[in-house]
C-alpha atoms as a PDB file:
ATOM      1  CA  UNK A   1      -0.008   0.154   0.041  1.00  0.00           C
ATOM      2  CA  UNK A   2       2.249   2.713  -1.151  1.00  0.00           C
ATOM      3  CA  UNK A   3       1.511   6.081  -2.281  1.00  0.00           C
ATOM      4  CA  UNK A   4       3.938   7.246  -5.562  1.00  0.00           C
ATOM      5  CA  UNK A   5       4.286  10.575  -7.106  1.00  0.00           C
ATOM      6  CA  UNK A   6       5.804   9.042 -10.367  1.00  0.00           C
ATOM      7  CA  UNK A   7       3.013   7.832 -12.345  1.00  0.00           C
ATOM      8  CA  UNK A   8       1.570   5.497  -9.923  1.00  0.00           C
ATOM      9  CA  UNK A   9      -1.490   6.913  -7.971  1.00  0.00           C
ATOM     10  CA  UNK A  10      -1.015   6.762  -4.365  1.00  0.00           C
ATOM     11  CA  UNK A  11      -0.711   3.094  -3.416  1.00  0.00           C
ATOM     12  CA  UNK A  12      -0.922   3.375   0.392  1.00  0.00           C
ATOM     13  CA  UNK A  13      -0.597   6.980   1.847  1.00  0.00           C
ATOM     14  CA  UNK A  14      -2.648   7.222   4.537  1.00  0.00           C
ATOM     15  CA  UNK A  15      -4.376  10.675   5.953  1.00  0.00           C
ATOM     16  CA  UNK A  16      -2.871  12.404   8.627  1.00  0.00           C
ATOM     17  CA  UNK A  17       0.744  12.609   6.678  1.00  0.00           C
ATOM     18  CA  UNK A  18      -0.641  12.437   3.317  1.00  0.00           C
ATOM     19  CA  UNK A  19       1.367  14.535   1.279  1.00  0.00           C
ATOM     20  CA  UNK A  20       0.291  17.953   1.434  1.00  0.00           C
ATOM     21  CA  UNK A  21      -8.162 -23.703  12.574  1.00  0.00           C
ATOM     22  CA  UNK A  22      -6.362 -25.600  14.896  1.00  0.00           C
ATOM     23  CA  UNK A  23      -4.181 -28.033  12.643  1.00  0.00           C
ATOM     24  CA  UNK A  24      -1.331 -29.999  12.982  1.00  0.00           C
ATOM     25  CA  UNK A  25       1.998 -28.747  14.922  1.00  0.00           C
ATOM     26  CA  UNK A  26       4.488 -27.007  12.892  1.00  0.00           C
ATOM     27  CA  UNK A  27       7.996 -28.221  13.745  1.00  0.00           C
ATOM     28  CA  UNK A  28      10.083 -25.752  12.384  1.00  0.00           C
ATOM     29  CA  UNK A  29      11.484 -24.894   8.970  1.00  0.00           C
ATOM     30  CA  UNK A  30      11.335 -27.275   6.173  1.00  0.00           C
ATOM     31  CA  UNK A  31      10.122 -27.625   2.622  1.00  0.00           C
ATOM     32  CA  UNK A  32       7.021 -28.894   1.758  1.00  0.00           C
ATOM     33  CA  UNK A  33       6.550 -30.569  -1.811  1.00  0.00           C
ATOM     34  CA  UNK A  34       3.941 -28.613  -3.847  1.00  0.00           C
ATOM     35  CA  UNK A  35       4.332 -25.693  -1.473  1.00  0.00           C
ATOM     36  CA  UNK A  36       4.930 -22.579  -3.223  1.00  0.00           C
ATOM     37  CA  UNK A  37       6.336 -20.700  -0.424  1.00  0.00           C
ATOM     38  CA  UNK A  38       8.598 -23.561   0.499  1.00  0.00           C
ATOM     39  CA  UNK A  39       9.656 -23.890  -3.306  1.00  0.00           C
ATOM     40  CA  UNK A  40      10.711 -20.475  -3.577  1.00  0.00           C
ATOM     41  CA  UNK A  41      12.713 -20.502  -0.114  1.00  0.00           C
ATOM     42  CA  UNK A  42      13.325 -23.658   1.119  1.00  0.00           C
ATOM     43  CA  UNK A  43      13.649 -22.221   4.858  1.00  0.00           C
ATOM     44  CA  UNK A  44      10.217 -20.974   4.820  1.00  0.00           C
ATOM     45  CA  UNK A  45       8.354 -22.754   7.481  1.00  0.00           C
ATOM     46  CA  UNK A  46       5.141 -25.007   6.887  1.00  0.00           C
ATOM     47  CA  UNK A  47       1.713 -23.216   7.758  1.00  0.00           C
ATOM     48  CA  UNK A  48      -0.808 -24.351  10.755  1.00  0.00           C
ATOM     49  CA  UNK A  49      -4.442 -23.403  10.480  1.00  0.00           C
ATOM     50  CA  UNK A  50      -5.554 -22.066  13.717  1.00  0.00           C
ATOM     51  CA  UNK A  51      -8.983 -21.250  14.760  1.00  0.00           C
ATOM     52  CA  UNK A  52      -9.429 -17.735  16.374  1.00  0.00           C
ATOM     53  CA  UNK A  53     -12.329 -15.236  16.663  1.00  0.00           C
ATOM     54  CA  UNK A  54     -14.652 -16.972  14.222  1.00  0.00           C
ATOM     55  CA  UNK A  55     -12.333 -17.275  11.495  1.00  0.00           C
ATOM     56  CA  UNK A  56      -9.184 -19.489  10.364  1.00  0.00           C
ATOM     57  CA  UNK A  57      -5.779 -18.106  10.014  1.00  0.00           C
ATOM     58  CA  UNK A  58      -3.079 -19.627   8.041  1.00  0.00           C
ATOM     59  CA  UNK A  59       0.010 -19.018  10.633  1.00  0.00           C
ATOM     60  CA  UNK A  60       3.775 -19.463   9.941  1.00  0.00           C
ATOM     61  CA  UNK A  61       6.070 -20.020  12.907  1.00  0.00           C
ATOM     62  CA  UNK A  62       9.744 -20.216  13.710  1.00  0.00           C
ATOM     63  CA  UNK A  63      11.702 -20.401  17.173  1.00  0.00           C
ATOM     64  CA  UNK A  64       8.784 -22.438  18.719  1.00  0.00           C
ATOM     65  CA  UNK A  65      11.008 -23.355  21.141  1.00  0.00           C
ATOM     66  CA  UNK A  66      11.682 -19.712  22.503  1.00  0.00           C
ATOM     67  CA  UNK A  67       8.494 -19.646  24.764  1.00  0.00           C
ATOM     68  CA  UNK A  68       7.382 -16.619  26.546  1.00  0.00           C
ATOM     69  CA  UNK A  69       9.336 -14.248  24.127  1.00  0.00           C
ATOM     70  CA  UNK A  70       6.302 -13.854  21.192  1.00  0.00           C
ATOM     71  CA  UNK A  71       6.807 -11.739  18.496  1.00  0.00           C
ATOM     72  CA  UNK A  72       3.893 -11.037  15.767  1.00  0.00           C
ATOM     73  CA  UNK A  73       4.450 -10.263  12.146  1.00  0.00           C
ATOM     74  CA  UNK A  74       1.813  -8.594  10.703  1.00  0.00           C
ATOM     75  CA  UNK A  75       1.748  -8.051   6.509  1.00  0.00           C
ATOM     76  CA  UNK A  76       0.528  -5.244   4.615  1.00  0.00           C
ATOM     77  CA  UNK A  77      -1.334  -4.886   1.590  1.00  0.00           C
ATOM     78  CA  UNK A  78      -1.309  -6.612  -1.370  1.00  0.00           C
ATOM     79  CA  UNK A  79       1.203  -9.135   0.907  1.00  0.00           C
ATOM     80  CA  UNK A  80       1.430 -12.178   2.443  1.00  0.00           C
ATOM     81  CA  UNK A  81       3.174 -13.686   5.581  1.00  0.00           C
ATOM     82  CA  UNK A  82       6.012 -14.457   3.034  1.00  0.00           C
ATOM     83  CA  UNK A  83       6.955 -10.987   3.148  1.00  0.00           C
ATOM     84  CA  UNK A  84       9.041 -11.397   6.286  1.00  0.00           C
ATOM     85  CA  UNK A  85      10.725 -14.379   5.173  1.00  0.00           C
ATOM     86  CA  UNK A  86      14.108 -12.635   5.708  1.00  0.00           C
ATOM     87  CA  UNK A  87      13.315 -11.436   9.196  1.00  0.00           C
ATOM     88  CA  UNK A  88      11.609 -14.683  10.620  1.00  0.00           C
ATOM     89  CA  UNK A  89      15.082 -16.964  10.952  1.00  0.00           C
ATOM     90  CA  UNK A  90      16.756 -13.706  12.197  1.00  0.00           C
ATOM     91  CA  UNK A  91      14.287 -13.212  14.988  1.00  0.00           C
ATOM     92  CA  UNK A  92      13.913 -16.810  15.699  1.00  0.00           C
ATOM     93  CA  UNK A  93      17.740 -16.985  16.416  1.00  0.00           C
ATOM     94  CA  UNK A  94      17.812 -14.168  18.314  1.00  0.00           C
ATOM     95  CA  UNK A  95      15.676 -15.838  21.027  1.00  0.00           C
ATOM     96  CA  UNK A  96      11.932 -15.097  19.846  1.00  0.00           C
ATOM     97  CA  UNK A  97       8.927 -17.252  19.045  1.00  0.00           C
ATOM     98  CA  UNK A  98       8.056 -15.768  15.650  1.00  0.00           C
ATOM     99  CA  UNK A  99       4.373 -15.754  14.793  1.00  0.00           C
ATOM    100  CA  UNK A 100       3.632 -14.785  11.520  1.00  0.00           C
ATOM    101  CA  UNK A 101      -0.274 -15.183  10.238  1.00  0.00           C
ATOM    102  CA  UNK A 102      -1.957 -14.430   6.760  1.00  0.00           C
ATOM    103  CA  UNK A 103      -4.266 -12.140   8.535  1.00  0.00           C
ATOM    104  CA  UNK A 104      -8.220 -12.579   7.653  1.00  0.00           C
ATOM    105  CA  UNK A 105      -8.662 -12.137   3.536  1.00  0.00           C
ATOM    106  CA  UNK A 106      -5.200 -13.537   2.787  1.00  0.00           C
ATOM    107  CA  UNK A 107      -3.493 -16.626   1.673  1.00  0.00           C
ATOM    108  CA  UNK A 108      -5.398 -19.703   3.099  1.00  0.00           C
ATOM    109  CA  UNK A 109      -6.950 -17.574   5.922  1.00  0.00           C
ATOM    110  CA  UNK A 110     -10.903 -17.165   6.191  1.00  0.00           C
ATOM    111  CA  UNK A 111     -12.270 -14.593   3.987  1.00  0.00           C
ATOM    112  CA  UNK A 112     -15.504 -13.574   5.389  1.00  0.00           C
ATOM    113  CA  UNK A 113     -18.300 -12.265   2.886  1.00  0.00           C
ATOM    114  CA  UNK A 114     -19.673  -9.398   4.760  1.00  0.00           C
ATOM    115  CA  UNK A 115     -17.352  -6.068   4.181  1.00  0.00           C
ATOM    116  CA  UNK A 116     -17.497  -4.898   7.942  1.00  0.00           C
ATOM    117  CA  UNK A 117     -16.140  -8.386   9.049  1.00  0.00           C
ATOM    118  CA  UNK A 118     -12.478  -6.428   8.062  1.00  0.00           C
ATOM    119  CA  UNK A 119     -13.060  -3.232  10.530  1.00  0.00           C
ATOM    120  CA  UNK A 120     -10.137  -2.637  13.090  1.00  0.00           C
ATOM    121  CA  UNK A 121     -12.129  -4.367  15.907  1.00  0.00           C
ATOM    122  CA  UNK A 122     -12.311  -7.950  13.881  1.00  0.00           C
ATOM    123  CA  UNK A 123      -8.702  -7.451  12.707  1.00  0.00           C
ATOM    124  CA  UNK A 124      -7.417  -6.639  15.931  1.00  0.00           C
ATOM    125  CA  UNK A 125      -9.507  -9.227  17.772  1.00  0.00           C
ATOM    126  CA  UNK A 126      -7.914 -11.671  15.499  1.00  0.00           C
ATOM    127  CA  UNK A 127      -4.244 -10.852  17.009  1.00  0.00           C
ATOM    128  CA  UNK A 128      -5.596 -10.894  20.556  1.00  0.00           C
ATOM    129  CA  UNK A 129      -7.155 -14.102  20.039  1.00  0.00           C
ATOM    130  CA  UNK A 130      -4.020 -15.559  18.371  1.00  0.00           C
ATOM    131  CA  UNK A 131      -2.331 -14.664  21.605  1.00  0.00           C
ATOM    132  CA  UNK A 132      -5.199 -16.469  23.503  1.00  0.00           C
ATOM    133  CA  UNK A 133      -4.359 -19.416  21.430  1.00  0.00           C
ATOM    134  CA  UNK A 134      -0.588 -19.483  22.199  1.00  0.00           C
ATOM    135  CA  UNK A 135      -1.176 -18.439  25.813  1.00  0.00           C
ATOM    136  CA  UNK A 136       0.633 -15.236  25.987  1.00  0.00           C
ATOM    137  CA  UNK A 137      -0.632 -12.364  27.779  1.00  0.00           C
ATOM    138  CA  UNK A 138       0.978  -9.864  25.498  1.00  0.00           C
ATOM    139  CA  UNK A 139       3.595  -9.809  22.439  1.00  0.00           C
ATOM    140  CA  UNK A 140       5.737  -7.263  20.732  1.00  0.00           C
ATOM    141  CA  UNK A 141       3.755  -6.308  17.378  1.00  0.00           C
ATOM    142  CA  UNK A 142       5.523  -5.831  14.299  1.00  0.00           C
ATOM    143  CA  UNK A 143       3.559  -4.202  11.172  1.00  0.00           C
ATOM    144  CA  UNK A 144       4.434  -3.119   7.769  1.00  0.00           C
ATOM    145  CA  UNK A 145       1.990  -0.952   5.643  1.00  0.00           C
ATOM    146  CA  UNK A 146      -1.742  -1.779   6.368  1.00  0.00           C
ATOM    147  CA  UNK A 147      -0.174  -4.379   8.861  1.00  0.00           C
ATOM    148  CA  UNK A 148       1.135  -1.124  10.602  1.00  0.00           C
ATOM    149  CA  UNK A 149      -2.208   0.454  10.584  1.00  0.00           C
ATOM    150  CA  UNK A 150      -3.493  -2.848  12.135  1.00  0.00           C
ATOM    151  CA  UNK A 151      -0.879  -2.840  14.981  1.00  0.00           C
ATOM    152  CA  UNK A 152      -1.387   0.831  15.821  1.00  0.00           C
ATOM    153  CA  UNK A 153      -5.163   0.282  16.101  1.00  0.00           C
ATOM    154  CA  UNK A 154      -4.519  -3.050  17.970  1.00  0.00           C
ATOM    155  CA  UNK A 155      -2.422  -1.181  20.348  1.00  0.00           C
ATOM    156  CA  UNK A 156      -5.108   1.746  21.031  1.00  0.00           C
ATOM    157  CA  UNK A 157      -7.893  -1.183  21.482  1.00  0.00           C
ATOM    158  CA  UNK A 158      -6.143  -3.518  23.409  1.00  0.00           C
ATOM    159  CA  UNK A 159      -3.139  -1.875  25.096  1.00  0.00           C
ATOM    160  CA  UNK A 160      -2.167  -4.702  27.771  1.00  0.00           C
ATOM    161  CA  UNK A 161      -2.023  -7.175  24.978  1.00  0.00           C
ATOM    162  CA  UNK A 162       0.933  -5.033  23.200  1.00  0.00           C
ATOM    163  CA  UNK A 163       4.280  -4.841  25.062  1.00  0.00           C
ATOM    164  CA  UNK A 164       6.161  -3.184  22.245  1.00  0.00           C
ATOM    165  CA  UNK A 165       5.465  -1.707  18.740  1.00  0.00           C
ATOM    166  CA  UNK A 166       7.690  -1.935  15.745  1.00  0.00           C
ATOM    167  CA  UNK A 167       6.047  -0.377  12.530  1.00  0.00           C
ATOM    168  CA  UNK A 168       7.319   0.044   9.077  1.00  0.00           C
ATOM    169  CA  UNK A 169       6.458   2.795   6.490  1.00  0.00           C
ATOM    170  CA  UNK A 170       3.301   3.578   7.838  1.00  0.00           C
ATOM    171  CA  UNK A 171       3.355   5.850  10.833  1.00  0.00           C
ATOM    172  CA  UNK A 172       0.652   6.443  13.324  1.00  0.00           C
ATOM    173  CA  UNK A 173      -2.322   8.178  11.847  1.00  0.00           C
ATOM    174  CA  UNK A 174      -4.233  10.950  13.604  1.00  0.00           C
ATOM    175  CA  UNK A 175      -8.064  10.797  13.807  1.00  0.00           C
ATOM    176  CA  UNK A 176      -8.905  14.233  12.503  1.00  0.00           C
ATOM    177  CA  UNK A 177     -12.229  15.937  12.755  1.00  0.00           C
ATOM    178  CA  UNK A 178     -13.957  14.157   9.399  1.00  0.00           C
ATOM    179  CA  UNK A 179     -14.015  10.327   8.603  1.00  0.00           C
ATOM    180  CA  UNK A 180     -10.792   9.575   6.522  1.00  0.00           C
ATOM    181  CA  UNK A 181     -12.735   8.540   3.267  1.00  0.00           C
ATOM    182  CA  UNK A 182     -14.810  11.818   3.349  1.00  0.00           C
ATOM    183  CA  UNK A 183     -11.804  13.775   4.034  1.00  0.00           C
ATOM    184  CA  UNK A 184      -9.745  12.183   0.886  1.00  0.00           C
ATOM    185  CA  UNK A 185     -12.863  12.303  -1.322  1.00  0.00           C
ATOM    186  CA  UNK A 186     -13.212  16.176  -0.724  1.00  0.00           C
ATOM    187  CA  UNK A 187      -9.182  16.713  -1.177  1.00  0.00           C
ATOM    188  CA  UNK A 188      -8.106  13.853  -3.756  1.00  0.00           C
ATOM    189  CA  UNK A 189     -11.405  13.319  -5.592  1.00  0.00           C
ATOM    190  CA  UNK A 190     -13.092  10.310  -6.484  1.00  0.00           C
ATOM    191  CA  UNK A 191     -10.410   8.680  -8.431  1.00  0.00           C
ATOM    192  CA  UNK A 192      -8.139   8.338  -5.430  1.00  0.00           C
ATOM    193  CA  UNK A 193      -7.831   4.589  -4.859  1.00  0.00           C
ATOM    194  CA  UNK A 194      -8.837   5.082  -1.096  1.00  0.00           C
ATOM    195  CA  UNK A 195     -11.803   6.738  -2.576  1.00  0.00           C
ATOM    196  CA  UNK A 196     -12.344   4.674  -5.723  1.00  0.00           C
ATOM    197  CA  UNK A 197     -12.299   1.350  -3.597  1.00  0.00           C
ATOM    198  CA  UNK A 198     -15.320   2.531  -1.381  1.00  0.00           C
ATOM    199  CA  UNK A 199     -17.181   4.292  -3.820  1.00  0.00           C
ATOM    200  CA  UNK A 200     -16.959   1.779  -6.478  1.00  0.00           C
ATOM    201  CA  UNK A 201     -16.951  -1.381  -4.564  1.00  0.00           C
ATOM    202  CA  UNK A 202     -15.800  -4.508  -6.706  1.00  0.00           C
ATOM    203  CA  UNK A 203     -14.524  -2.464  -9.939  1.00  0.00           C
ATOM    204  CA  UNK A 204     -10.628  -2.241  -8.927  1.00  0.00           C
ATOM    205  CA  UNK A 205     -11.155  -6.109  -7.238  1.00  0.00           C
ATOM    206  CA  UNK A 206     -11.917  -7.494 -10.524  1.00  0.00           C
ATOM    207  CA  UNK A 207      -9.391  -5.966 -12.719  1.00  0.00           C
ATOM    208  CA  UNK A 208      -6.603  -6.928 -10.300  1.00  0.00           C
ATOM    209  CA  UNK A 209      -8.197 -10.616 -10.293  1.00  0.00           C
ATOM    210  CA  UNK A 210      -7.757 -10.624 -13.716  1.00  0.00           C
ATOM    211  CA  UNK A 211      -4.364  -9.190 -14.014  1.00  0.00           C
ATOM    212  CA  UNK A 212      -2.826 -10.883 -10.753  1.00  0.00           C
ATOM    213  CA  UNK A 213       0.629 -11.620 -12.030  1.00  0.00           C
ATOM    214  CA  UNK A 214       0.809  -8.274 -13.961  1.00  0.00           C
ATOM    215  CA  UNK A 215      -0.424  -6.131 -11.252  1.00  0.00           C
ATOM    216  CA  UNK A 216       1.863  -7.588  -8.478  1.00  0.00           C
ATOM    217  CA  UNK A 217       4.934  -7.649 -10.770  1.00  0.00           C
ATOM    218  CA  UNK A 218       4.504  -4.000 -11.637  1.00  0.00           C
ATOM    219  CA  UNK A 219       3.433  -2.858  -8.060  1.00  0.00           C
ATOM    220  CA  UNK A 220       6.654  -4.611  -6.292  1.00  0.00           C
ATOM    221  CA  UNK A 221       9.263  -2.345  -7.996  1.00  0.00           C
ATOM    222  CA  UNK A 222      12.164  -0.294  -6.567  1.00  0.00           C
ATOM    223  CA  UNK A 223      13.888   2.664  -7.865  1.00  0.00           C
ATOM    224  CA  UNK A 224      11.259   4.132 -10.277  1.00  0.00           C
ATOM    225  CA  UNK A 225      11.907   6.784 -12.433  1.00  0.00           C
ATOM    226  CA  UNK A 226       9.969  10.020 -11.854  1.00  0.00           C
ATOM    227  CA  UNK A 227       6.623  10.366 -13.767  1.00  0.00           C
ATOM    228  CA  UNK A 228       4.024  13.011 -13.614  1.00  0.00           C
ATOM    229  CA  UNK A 229       0.379  11.559 -12.207  1.00  0.00           C
ATOM    230  CA  UNK A 230      -2.125  11.005 -14.647  1.00  0.00           C
ATOM    231  CA  UNK A 231      -5.640  11.305 -14.536  1.00  0.00           C
ATOM    232  CA  UNK A 232      -7.953   8.046 -13.795  1.00  0.00           C
ATOM    233  CA  UNK A 233      -7.552   5.252 -10.985  1.00  0.00           C
ATOM    234  CA  UNK A 234      -3.828   4.588 -11.430  1.00  0.00           C
ATOM    235  CA  UNK A 235      -3.736   1.474  -9.653  1.00  0.00           C
ATOM    236  CA  UNK A 236      -6.072   0.208 -12.237  1.00  0.00           C
ATOM    237  CA  UNK A 237      -3.781   1.629 -14.816  1.00  0.00           C
ATOM    238  CA  UNK A 238      -0.714  -0.397 -12.938  1.00  0.00           C
ATOM    239  CA  UNK A 239      -2.664  -3.759 -13.370  1.00  0.00           C
ATOM    240  CA  UNK A 240      -2.970  -3.365 -16.757  1.00  0.00           C
ATOM    241  CA  UNK A 241       0.433  -1.880 -18.174  1.00  0.00           C
ATOM    242  CA  UNK A 242       2.394  -4.244 -20.179  1.00  0.00           C
ATOM    243  CA  UNK A 243       5.717  -2.976 -18.815  1.00  0.00           C
ATOM    244  CA  UNK A 244       7.062  -2.143 -15.047  1.00  0.00           C
ATOM    245  CA  UNK A 245       8.964   0.484 -14.253  1.00  0.00           C
ATOM    246  CA  UNK A 246      12.212   0.435 -12.270  1.00  0.00           C
ATOM    247  CA  UNK A 247      13.547  -2.689 -10.821  1.00  0.00           C
ATOM    248  CA  UNK A 248      12.110  -5.687  -9.204  1.00  0.00           C
ATOM    249  CA  UNK A 249      11.995  -6.366  -5.326  1.00  0.00           C
ATOM    250  CA  UNK A 250      11.945 -10.021  -5.628  1.00  0.00           C
ATOM    251  CA  UNK A 251      13.174 -12.883  -7.838  1.00  0.00           C
ATOM    252  CA  UNK A 252      10.113 -14.367 -10.121  1.00  0.00           C
ATOM    253  CA  UNK A 253      10.034 -17.498  -8.048  1.00  0.00           C
ATOM    254  CA  UNK A 254       9.467 -15.352  -4.591  1.00  0.00           C
ATOM    255  CA  UNK A 255       6.964 -13.106  -6.609  1.00  0.00           C
ATOM    256  CA  UNK A 256       5.613 -16.404  -7.715  1.00  0.00           C
ATOM    257  CA  UNK A 257       4.106 -16.915  -4.031  1.00  0.00           C
ATOM    258  CA  UNK A 258       2.532 -13.819  -4.015  1.00  0.00           C
ATOM    259  CA  UNK A 259       0.821 -14.434  -7.417  1.00  0.00           C
ATOM    260  CA  UNK A 260      -0.257 -17.800  -6.505  1.00  0.00           C
ATOM    261  CA  UNK A 261      -1.897 -16.680  -3.080  1.00  0.00           C
ATOM    262  CA  UNK A 262      -3.805 -14.242  -4.856  1.00  0.00           C
ATOM    263  CA  UNK A 263      -5.029 -16.344  -7.520  1.00  0.00           C
ATOM    264  CA  UNK A 264      -6.604 -18.518  -4.700  1.00  0.00           C
ATOM    265  CA  UNK A 265      -7.619 -15.788  -2.280  1.00  0.00           C
ATOM    266  CA  UNK A 266      -8.749 -12.897  -4.986  1.00  0.00           C
ATOM    267  CA  UNK A 267      -8.019  -9.518  -3.682  1.00  0.00           C
ATOM    268  CA  UNK A 268     -11.416  -8.564  -2.287  1.00  0.00           C
ATOM    269  CA  UNK A 269     -10.679  -9.471   1.301  1.00  0.00           C
ATOM    270  CA  UNK A 270      -7.696  -7.460   1.455  1.00  0.00           C
ATOM    271  CA  UNK A 271      -9.270  -4.529  -0.339  1.00  0.00           C
ATOM    272  CA  UNK A 272     -12.534  -4.855   2.181  1.00  0.00           C
ATOM    273  CA  UNK A 273      -9.689  -3.468   4.682  1.00  0.00           C
ATOM    274  CA  UNK A 274      -9.901  -0.026   3.009  1.00  0.00           C
ATOM    275  CA  UNK A 275     -13.486  -0.278   3.007  1.00  0.00           C
ATOM    276  CA  UNK A 276     -13.737   0.053   6.481  1.00  0.00           C
ATOM    277  CA  UNK A 277     -11.485   3.091   7.392  1.00  0.00           C
ATOM    278  CA  UNK A 278     -14.295   5.314   7.924  1.00  0.00           C
ATOM    279  CA  UNK A 279     -16.182   2.698  10.072  1.00  0.00           C
ATOM    280  CA  UNK A 280     -12.499   2.528  11.956  1.00  0.00           C
ATOM    281  CA  UNK A 281     -12.652   6.291  12.143  1.00  0.00           C
ATOM    282  CA  UNK A 282     -16.181   5.871  14.228  1.00  0.00           C
ATOM    283  CA  UNK A 283     -14.824   2.973  16.321  1.00  0.00           C
ATOM    284  CA  UNK A 284     -11.784   4.861  17.573  1.00  0.00           C
ATOM    285  CA  UNK A 285     -13.849   7.898  18.640  1.00  0.00           C
ATOM    286  CA  UNK A 286     -13.691   7.164  22.268  1.00  0.00           C
ATOM    287  CA  UNK A 287     -10.191   5.566  22.594  1.00  0.00           C
ATOM    288  CA  UNK A 288      -7.262   7.289  24.007  1.00  0.00           C
ATOM    289  CA  UNK A 289      -5.297   8.262  21.027  1.00  0.00           C
ATOM    290  CA  UNK A 290      -2.054   8.184  22.871  1.00  0.00           C
ATOM    291  CA  UNK A 291       0.558   5.028  22.180  1.00  0.00           C
ATOM    292  CA  UNK A 292       2.667   4.856  25.484  1.00  0.00           C
ATOM    293  CA  UNK A 293       4.381   1.411  24.381  1.00  0.00           C
ATOM    294  CA  UNK A 294       7.976   1.885  23.561  1.00  0.00           C
ATOM    295  CA  UNK A 295       7.843   1.765  19.673  1.00  0.00           C
ATOM    296  CA  UNK A 296      10.297   1.450  16.950  1.00  0.00           C
ATOM    297  CA  UNK A 297       9.332   3.337  13.620  1.00  0.00           C
ATOM    298  CA  UNK A 298      11.138   2.423  10.397  1.00  0.00           C
ATOM    299  CA  UNK A 299      10.863   4.603   7.339  1.00  0.00           C
ATOM    300  CA  UNK A 300      12.271   4.155   3.984  1.00  0.00           C
ATOM    301  CA  UNK A 301      13.737   7.685   2.764  1.00  0.00           C
ATOM    302  CA  UNK A 302      12.720   6.817  -0.680  1.00  0.00           C
ATOM    303  CA  UNK A 303       9.203   5.447   0.310  1.00  0.00           C
ATOM    304  CA  UNK A 304       6.658   7.924  -0.961  1.00  0.00           C
ATOM    305  CA  UNK A 305       4.336   7.443   2.142  1.00  0.00           C
ATOM    306  CA  UNK A 306       5.591  10.788   4.007  1.00  0.00           C
ATOM    307  CA  UNK A 307       7.332  10.697   7.526  1.00  0.00           C
ATOM    308  CA  UNK A 308       5.133  12.249  10.245  1.00  0.00           C
ATOM    309  CA  UNK A 309       6.012  15.374  11.475  1.00  0.00           C
ATOM    310  CA  UNK A 310       4.265  15.193  15.048  1.00  0.00           C
ATOM    311  CA  UNK A 311       4.624  11.235  15.446  1.00  0.00           C
ATOM    312  CA  UNK A 312       6.200  11.907  19.206  1.00  0.00           C
ATOM    313  CA  UNK A 313       2.856  13.846  20.268  1.00  0.00           C
ATOM    314  CA  UNK A 314       1.070  10.749  19.593  1.00  0.00           C
ATOM    315  CA  UNK A 315       3.803   8.228  20.173  1.00  0.00           C
ATOM    316  CA  UNK A 316       6.106   9.557  22.973  1.00  0.00           C
ATOM    317  CA  UNK A 317       8.233   6.686  23.518  1.00  0.00           C
ATOM    318  CA  UNK A 318       9.251   6.492  19.918  1.00  0.00           C
ATOM    319  CA  UNK A 319      12.481   5.944  18.158  1.00  0.00           C
ATOM    320  CA  UNK A 320      12.898   6.608  14.530  1.00  0.00           C
ATOM    321  CA  UNK A 321      15.291   4.646  12.221  1.00  0.00           C
ATOM    322  CA  UNK A 322      15.120   5.534   8.413  1.00  0.00           C
ATOM    323  CA  UNK A 323      16.664   3.289   5.818  1.00  0.00           C
ATOM    324  CA  UNK A 324      17.966   4.022   2.080  1.00  0.00           C
ATOM    325  CA  UNK A 325      15.086   2.302   0.524  1.00  0.00           C
ATOM    326  CA  UNK A 326      11.442   2.579  -0.875  1.00  0.00           C
ATOM    327  CA  UNK A 327       8.302   1.568   0.226  1.00  0.00           C
ATOM    328  CA  UNK A 328       8.756  -2.391   0.931  1.00  0.00           C
ATOM    329  CA  UNK A 329      11.231  -1.876   3.186  1.00  0.00           C
ATOM    330  CA  UNK A 330      11.853  -5.621   5.093  1.00  0.00           C
ATOM    331  CA  UNK A 331      11.974  -6.963   1.645  1.00  0.00           C
ATOM    332  CA  UNK A 332      14.463  -4.223   0.109  1.00  0.00           C
ATOM    333  CA  UNK A 333      16.956  -3.958   2.832  1.00  0.00           C
ATOM    334  CA  UNK A 334      16.310  -7.216   4.481  1.00  0.00           C
ATOM    335  CA  UNK A 335      19.565  -6.999   6.779  1.00  0.00           C
ATOM    336  CA  UNK A 336      19.514  -3.467   7.552  1.00  0.00           C
ATOM    337  CA  UNK A 337      15.738  -4.157   8.645  1.00  0.00           C
ATOM    338  CA  UNK A 338      16.686  -6.778  10.992  1.00  0.00           C
ATOM    339  CA  UNK A 339      19.806  -5.224  12.282  1.00  0.00           C
ATOM    340  CA  UNK A 340      17.730  -2.363  13.454  1.00  0.00           C
ATOM    341  CA  UNK A 341      14.780  -4.172  14.843  1.00  0.00           C
ATOM    342  CA  UNK A 342      17.391  -6.541  16.787  1.00  0.00           C
ATOM    343  CA  UNK A 343      19.534  -3.705  17.965  1.00  0.00           C
ATOM    344  CA  UNK A 344      16.340  -1.839  19.403  1.00  0.00           C
ATOM    345  CA  UNK A 345      14.953  -5.065  20.685  1.00  0.00           C
ATOM    346  CA  UNK A 346      18.226  -5.552  22.729  1.00  0.00           C
ATOM    347  CA  UNK A 347      18.240  -2.109  24.302  1.00  0.00           C
ATOM    348  CA  UNK A 348      14.647  -2.684  25.193  1.00  0.00           C
ATOM    349  CA  UNK A 349      15.307  -6.050  26.781  1.00  0.00           C
ATOM    350  CA  UNK A 350      18.245  -4.539  28.720  1.00  0.00           C
ATOM    351  CA  UNK A 351      16.583  -1.825  30.356  1.00  0.00           C
END
């Protein structure tokens, strides 16, 4: 969910800083024949289906022996648990029980039909129920892109279940005076993709579903040349563009994991997260807006999602790290991301 000024319409900027199934036990890393995730990365673990909060989540784990040190990694849009493939073994080696769900709407997790089933109460409730499943009172939560939005919301709604926050790309979004979609429609118009997803339900989903490989190939890019924005809903244009810009973020075999997942799940579940932004605005009306937990915010210096100018106002215990990369931070700069996270965690654990 990345905003771009270079001819792709914003693919993930947010208001506040918008540009002015209980299953078999998982035993560890290993390859599963016919499993695209394992085929692309033999070290990626097999999933388990876990029943939580009225749905089933497809969950990948590492470091199960590291009981009492849980860390939950939350992907964004249009992503997959596989986007954390570089972080899972590093965190497990550092002594953490790493829990990585495909959140509702993604991968082989449940995809409820009702749009309201994807609001922040349901998404955060899934994560709380996941902690309950493992018997953890709280955990460190890590989010990228829309996953960061969920982690911010989880921390506001269930502060006692979150001991530390690490978010990538998307800073805390202040709840303004107007609902978010209403505000964006006034400022950016009906073709702005947040607004389009809400006002023309099903239109963009169908284009993404019909052009899954092309859309994801064109989206997962870095070092893209600057271009003037074009009229129209540019995510749809991106999905139908014959040639991608810039450089690929990942190999073809890695991209195939994402393509295979979305060919199975479709895009509607993930897009439904956007369709709850105004509902979320109302649900958060009476919540204390201050995040008190120790927080690490990781930005990409070339990410087109803007950095927050007032992050410390709402997240007073925040430390900020910036890396020389674009939007897909943990995949573009995996080693640097791991070092930043582990260094910060070591410092927090030492105090």
